[in-house]
Amino acid sequence: MARPSAPQSGVPPMAVNAARGVSAGADFVRQRAGSLTYQTGTLFITGIEGFRKSWNVRRWWGEYVEQCAFLAGVTALPVMLIALPLGGTISLQVGQIVRQIGAQSGTGATVVQAMVTQVAPVAAALLISGAGGSAMASDMGSRRIRDELDAMEVLGINSVHRLVTPRLWAASTIGVLLCSLIILSGVVGGYFFNVVQQGVTPGSYFDGATSLLRLHDLLATLFKAWIFGFIAAAVACWKGMNCDYGPSGVGKAVNQAAVIAAMLVFAANYVISTLDYALFPPRI
């Protein structure tokens, strides 16, 4: 039997397959990059368009109040249950370290500084994105699969202005309000472990708590909480309004919204904290 002849071009088959694999990989990367760019653009468009009509308060005031009440109801109790042990854990860990150098009174400063500058805005944003953001994404997704969003557009109603704008402001407002609750709960938890368990006097605890704080720290925390709440609501509304049709599409949008919001919140927190520490160095 005669052997099969080699390819006319003289190129080995393995090289042809490798070239095809490289081409397919490049096409896949190109498609993924294009999809990521498109999704990022739609996210920014949703957030900016929702913020653009904020001045027309009369159109979204009622929905804003309802969303604020809903977000406060689903996040108030969980945030206290998280902040209490979190403040206690920070106090316990720091107290064990500073006890070895005889500086137990510095535990209060560490707890309050950490709660105010880092823990409070991030915890508030994660709770809003996990509890409230999931509800927002499912609500928007349900409206999409029932064609309510298209019906609003047919009637000449901008669905972003009517639905997204009040949710953006509600999440930002509740995020700012939750910061005070988180700080208070964390300070109470730290007080229990540092004063009751470790024997530090209450005066030393609260004196140390106020020694490192400045008004700028509180203002920066409130600003971060507002930004993080805005991000969580924007991501939830964006994923809900662009989900696939069907119940499975809504469920995927809810899961993706929570994950994407958490990633963006941590990234934004790193950027804002870096700029803040560079412009306003912490007190020593």
Protein backbone atom coordinates (compact mmCIF):
# COMPACT_ATOMS: atom_id res chain seq x y z
CA MET A 1 0.00 0.00 0.00
CA ALA A 2 1.32 3.38 -0.97
CA ARG A 3 1.96 5.87 1.83
CA PRO A 4 -0.17 9.07 1.90
CA SER A 5 1.60 11.97 0.35
CA ALA A 6 2.70 14.94 2.48
CA PRO A 7 0.78 18.22 2.28
CA GLN A 8 1.49 20.15 -0.88
CA SER A 9 2.58 23.22 1.04
CA GLY A 10 5.21 21.35 2.95
CA VAL A 11 3.90 22.60 6.35
CA PRO A 12 3.66 19.87 9.01
CA PRO A 13 0.13 19.12 10.29
CA MET A 14 1.15 19.88 13.89
CA ALA A 15 2.19 23.39 12.87
CA VAL A 16 -1.16 23.90 11.12
CA ASN A 17 -3.07 22.77 14.21
CA ALA A 18 -0.94 24.99 16.45
CA ALA A 19 -1.63 27.99 14.21
CA ARG A 20 -5.35 27.25 14.32
CA GLY A 21 -5.23 26.99 18.10
CA VAL A 22 -3.43 30.30 18.42
CA SER A 23 -5.95 31.94 16.08
CA ALA A 24 -8.89 30.51 18.04
CA GLY A 25 -7.34 31.67 21.33
CA ALA A 26 -6.79 35.16 19.95
CA ASP A 27 -10.41 35.31 18.75
CA PHE A 28 -11.63 34.20 22.18
CA VAL A 29 -9.54 36.83 23.97
CA ARG A 30 -10.75 39.46 21.52
CA GLN A 31 -14.38 38.51 22.09
CA ARG A 32 -13.98 38.51 25.87
CA ALA A 33 -12.23 41.89 25.81
CA GLY A 34 -14.98 43.33 23.61
CA SER A 35 -17.68 41.93 25.88
CA LEU A 36 -15.95 43.30 28.99
CA THR A 37 -15.59 46.71 27.38
CA TYR A 38 -19.25 46.73 26.36
CA GLN A 39 -20.45 45.70 29.81
CA THR A 40 -18.25 48.30 31.49
CA GLY A 41 -19.66 50.95 29.19
CA THR A 42 -23.26 49.98 29.91
CA LEU A 43 -22.54 50.04 33.65
CA PHE A 44 -21.14 53.57 33.46
CA ILE A 45 -24.02 54.68 31.24
CA THR A 46 -26.57 53.31 33.70
CA GLY A 47 -24.94 55.04 36.66
CA ILE A 48 -24.35 58.37 34.93
CA GLU A 49 -27.79 58.45 33.31
CA GLY A 50 -29.42 57.64 36.63
CA PHE A 51 -27.46 60.41 38.34
CA ARG A 52 -28.12 62.93 35.57
CA LYS A 53 -31.80 63.43 36.42
CA SER A 54 -31.28 63.66 40.17
CA TRP A 55 -32.41 67.29 40.17
CA ASN A 56 -36.00 66.26 39.29
CA VAL A 57 -36.73 65.14 42.83
CA ARG A 58 -40.53 65.26 42.56
CA ARG A 59 -40.58 62.40 40.08
CA TRP A 60 -38.65 59.94 42.21
CA TRP A 61 -39.24 61.11 45.79
CA GLY A 62 -41.90 58.51 46.60
CA GLU A 63 -39.86 55.61 45.26
CA TYR A 64 -36.81 56.95 47.08
CA VAL A 65 -38.60 56.87 50.44
CA GLU A 66 -39.84 53.32 49.83
CA GLN A 67 -36.37 52.11 48.89
CA CYS A 68 -34.81 53.79 51.93
CA ALA A 69 -37.31 52.09 54.23
CA PHE A 70 -36.72 48.73 52.55
CA LEU A 71 -32.91 48.97 52.69
CA ALA A 72 -32.96 50.10 56.31
CA GLY A 73 -35.22 47.20 57.23
CA VAL A 74 -33.07 44.51 55.62
CA THR A 75 -29.66 45.86 56.72
CA ALA A 76 -30.09 47.40 60.19
CA LEU A 77 -30.13 44.18 62.24
CA PRO A 78 -27.50 42.28 60.20
CA VAL A 79 -25.11 45.21 60.36
CA MET A 80 -25.27 45.27 64.16
CA LEU A 81 -24.79 41.51 64.35
CA ILE A 82 -21.68 41.86 62.18
CA ALA A 83 -20.19 44.99 63.76
CA LEU A 84 -20.45 43.82 67.39
CA PRO A 85 -18.25 40.71 67.05
CA LEU A 86 -16.03 42.48 64.53
CA GLY A 87 -15.18 45.26 66.96
CA GLY A 88 -14.70 42.70 69.69
CA THR A 89 -12.38 40.62 67.52
CA ILE A 90 -10.22 43.64 66.65
CA SER A 91 -10.07 44.62 70.31
CA LEU A 92 -9.20 41.11 71.41
CA GLN A 93 -6.42 40.62 68.87
CA VAL A 94 -4.90 44.07 69.33
CA GLY A 95 -5.24 43.87 73.10
CA GLN A 96 -3.22 40.68 73.24
CA ILE A 97 -0.40 42.36 71.32
CA VAL A 98 -0.31 45.74 73.08
CA ARG A 99 -0.51 44.06 76.51
CA GLN A 100 2.99 42.70 75.95
CA ILE A 101 4.36 46.24 75.63
CA GLY A 102 2.17 47.73 78.36
CA ALA A 103 -0.01 49.88 76.10
CA GLN A 104 -3.48 48.45 76.71
CA SER A 105 -5.03 51.92 76.58
CA GLY A 106 -4.12 52.12 72.90
CA THR A 107 -6.62 49.39 72.03
CA GLY A 108 -9.49 51.85 71.98
CA ALA A 109 -7.67 54.06 69.50
CA THR A 110 -6.97 51.08 67.23
CA VAL A 111 -10.54 49.80 67.32
CA VAL A 112 -12.18 53.14 66.63
CA GLN A 113 -9.65 54.14 63.98
CA ALA A 114 -10.15 50.87 62.13
CA MET A 115 -13.93 50.97 62.42
CA VAL A 116 -14.22 54.58 61.29
CA THR A 117 -11.71 54.64 58.44
CA GLN A 118 -12.02 51.17 56.88
CA VAL A 119 -14.54 48.76 58.34
CA ALA A 120 -17.70 50.90 58.49
CA PRO A 121 -18.02 51.99 54.82
CA VAL A 122 -16.96 48.61 53.41
CA ALA A 123 -19.28 46.63 55.70
CA ALA A 124 -22.20 48.94 54.90
CA ALA A 125 -21.58 48.57 51.16
CA LEU A 126 -21.30 44.78 51.32
CA LEU A 127 -24.56 44.51 53.25
CA ILE A 128 -26.33 46.84 50.85
CA SER A 129 -25.07 44.91 47.83
CA GLY A 130 -25.82 41.53 49.42
CA ALA A 131 -29.26 42.20 50.87
CA GLY A 132 -30.62 45.29 49.15
CA GLY A 133 -28.71 44.92 45.89
CA SER A 134 -29.97 41.37 45.39
CA ALA A 135 -33.53 42.58 45.77
CA MET A 136 -32.89 45.45 43.34
CA ALA A 137 -31.38 43.13 40.73
CA SER A 138 -34.22 40.63 41.03
CA ASP A 139 -36.82 43.39 40.82
CA MET A 140 -35.23 44.89 37.71
CA GLY A 141 -34.78 41.45 36.18
CA SER A 142 -38.42 40.58 36.80
CA ARG A 143 -39.49 43.81 35.14
CA ARG A 144 -37.28 42.99 32.16
CA ILE A 145 -38.58 39.45 31.57
CA ARG A 146 -42.16 40.77 31.87
CA ASP A 147 -41.30 43.46 29.28
CA GLU A 148 -42.22 46.24 31.69
CA LEU A 149 -39.08 48.18 30.85
CA ASP A 150 -39.89 48.06 27.14
CA ALA A 151 -43.46 49.13 27.88
CA MET A 152 -42.17 52.15 29.80
CA GLU A 153 -40.00 53.12 26.86
CA VAL A 154 -42.98 52.82 24.51
CA LEU A 155 -44.95 55.15 26.78
CA GLY A 156 -42.12 57.69 26.63
CA ILE A 157 -40.93 57.04 30.21
CA ASN A 158 -37.21 56.73 30.77
CA SER A 159 -36.88 53.58 32.88
CA VAL A 160 -33.46 54.63 34.17
CA HIS A 161 -34.73 57.99 35.44
CA ARG A 162 -37.86 56.48 36.94
CA LEU A 163 -36.41 53.34 38.54
CA VAL A 164 -32.63 53.63 38.84
CA THR A 165 -32.30 57.20 40.14
CA PRO A 166 -34.26 56.68 43.40
CA ARG A 167 -32.41 53.44 44.08
CA LEU A 168 -29.02 55.08 43.62
CA TRP A 169 -29.83 57.82 46.10
CA ALA A 170 -31.52 55.43 48.53
CA ALA A 171 -28.50 53.10 48.64
CA SER A 172 -26.13 56.04 49.06
CA THR A 173 -28.22 57.53 51.86
CA ILE A 174 -28.58 54.27 53.75
CA GLY A 175 -24.87 53.56 53.31
CA VAL A 176 -24.03 56.85 55.02
CA LEU A 177 -26.53 56.21 57.82
CA LEU A 178 -25.31 52.67 58.39
CA CYS A 179 -21.78 53.93 59.04
CA SER A 180 -22.80 55.49 62.35
CA LEU A 181 -24.54 52.27 63.39
CA ILE A 182 -21.52 50.16 62.48
CA ILE A 183 -19.13 52.46 64.32
CA LEU A 184 -21.32 52.48 67.43
CA SER A 185 -21.74 48.70 67.43
CA GLY A 186 -18.01 48.15 66.85
CA VAL A 187 -17.06 50.50 69.69
CA VAL A 188 -19.48 48.68 72.02
CA GLY A 189 -18.01 45.31 71.06
CA GLY A 190 -14.48 46.60 71.56
CA TYR A 191 -15.46 48.10 74.92
CA PHE A 192 -16.74 44.76 76.16
CA PHE A 193 -13.58 42.86 75.29
CA ASN A 194 -11.11 45.59 76.19
CA VAL A 195 -12.71 46.90 79.41
CA VAL A 196 -14.73 43.98 80.74
CA GLN A 197 -12.52 41.10 79.62
CA GLN A 198 -9.03 42.65 79.71
CA GLY A 199 -9.47 45.07 82.62
CA VAL A 200 -8.67 48.39 80.91
CA THR A 201 -10.38 51.37 82.54
CA PRO A 202 -13.24 52.97 80.57
CA GLY A 203 -11.52 56.36 80.69
CA SER A 204 -8.38 54.99 79.07
CA TYR A 205 -10.42 53.21 76.41
CA PHE A 206 -12.40 56.26 75.31
CA ASP A 207 -9.46 58.62 75.68
CA GLY A 208 -7.44 56.45 73.33
CA ALA A 209 -10.43 56.18 71.00
CA THR A 210 -10.45 59.89 70.34
CA SER A 211 -6.69 60.50 70.28
CA LEU A 212 -6.10 59.53 66.63
CA LEU A 213 -9.37 60.62 65.04
CA ARG A 214 -9.86 63.83 63.11
CA LEU A 215 -12.89 65.42 61.53
CA HIS A 216 -11.39 64.65 58.16
CA ASP A 217 -11.48 60.91 58.94
CA LEU A 218 -15.22 61.00 59.54
CA LEU A 219 -15.89 63.08 56.42
CA ALA A 220 -13.78 60.73 54.30
CA THR A 221 -15.67 57.74 55.71
CA LEU A 222 -19.05 59.27 54.90
CA PHE A 223 -17.86 60.09 51.40
CA LYS A 224 -16.69 56.53 50.85
CA ALA A 225 -19.96 55.15 52.19
CA TRP A 226 -21.90 57.34 49.75
CA ILE A 227 -19.75 56.25 46.82
CA PHE A 228 -19.91 52.56 47.78
CA GLY A 229 -23.70 52.65 48.14
CA PHE A 230 -23.94 54.30 44.73
CA ILE A 231 -21.74 51.59 43.21
CA ALA A 232 -23.75 48.76 44.78
CA ALA A 233 -27.08 50.13 43.53
CA ALA A 234 -25.72 50.93 40.05
CA VAL A 235 -24.35 47.41 39.61
CA ALA A 236 -27.58 45.81 40.86
CA CYS A 237 -29.78 47.88 38.55
CA TRP A 238 -27.44 47.37 35.60
CA LYS A 239 -27.35 43.58 35.93
CA GLY A 240 -31.09 43.38 36.47
CA MET A 241 -31.95 45.54 33.46
CA ASN A 242 -29.59 43.57 31.18
CA CYS A 243 -30.21 40.01 32.38
CA ASP A 244 -31.12 37.08 30.16
CA TYR A 245 -34.77 36.20 29.78
CA GLY A 246 -36.20 33.58 32.09
CA PRO A 247 -35.91 32.83 35.81
CA SER A 248 -32.40 31.45 35.39
CA GLY A 249 -31.29 34.71 33.81
CA VAL A 250 -32.60 36.68 36.77
CA GLY A 251 -30.89 34.34 39.22
CA LYS A 252 -27.56 34.66 37.43
CA ALA A 253 -27.91 38.44 37.37
CA VAL A 254 -28.48 38.52 41.14
CA ASN A 255 -25.38 36.42 41.84
CA GLN A 256 -23.22 38.37 39.42
CA ALA A 257 -24.40 41.71 40.82
CA ALA A 258 -23.33 40.78 44.36
CA VAL A 259 -19.90 39.57 43.24
CA ILE A 260 -19.18 42.49 40.88
CA ALA A 261 -20.33 45.06 43.45
CA ALA A 262 -18.04 43.58 46.12
CA MET A 263 -15.05 43.63 43.75
CA LEU A 264 -15.70 47.24 42.70
CA VAL A 265 -16.18 48.34 46.32
CA PHE A 266 -12.83 46.89 47.39
CA ALA A 267 -11.10 48.43 44.37
CA ALA A 268 -12.69 51.83 45.02
CA ASN A 269 -11.78 51.61 48.70
CA TYR A 270 -8.13 50.97 47.83
CA VAL A 271 -8.00 53.92 45.42
CA ILE A 272 -9.77 56.37 47.74
CA SER A 273 -7.77 55.28 50.80
CA THR A 274 -4.49 55.61 48.91
CA LEU A 275 -5.34 59.13 47.77
CA ASP A 276 -6.58 60.06 51.24
CA TYR A 277 -3.41 58.87 52.98
CA ALA A 278 -1.25 60.59 50.40
CA LEU A 279 -3.03 63.94 50.72
CA PHE A 280 -3.80 63.76 54.46
CA PRO A 281 -1.26 61.57 56.29
CA PRO A 282 -2.65 59.87 59.41
CA ARG A 283 -1.88 61.33 62.81
CA ILE A 284 0.80 59.59 64.88
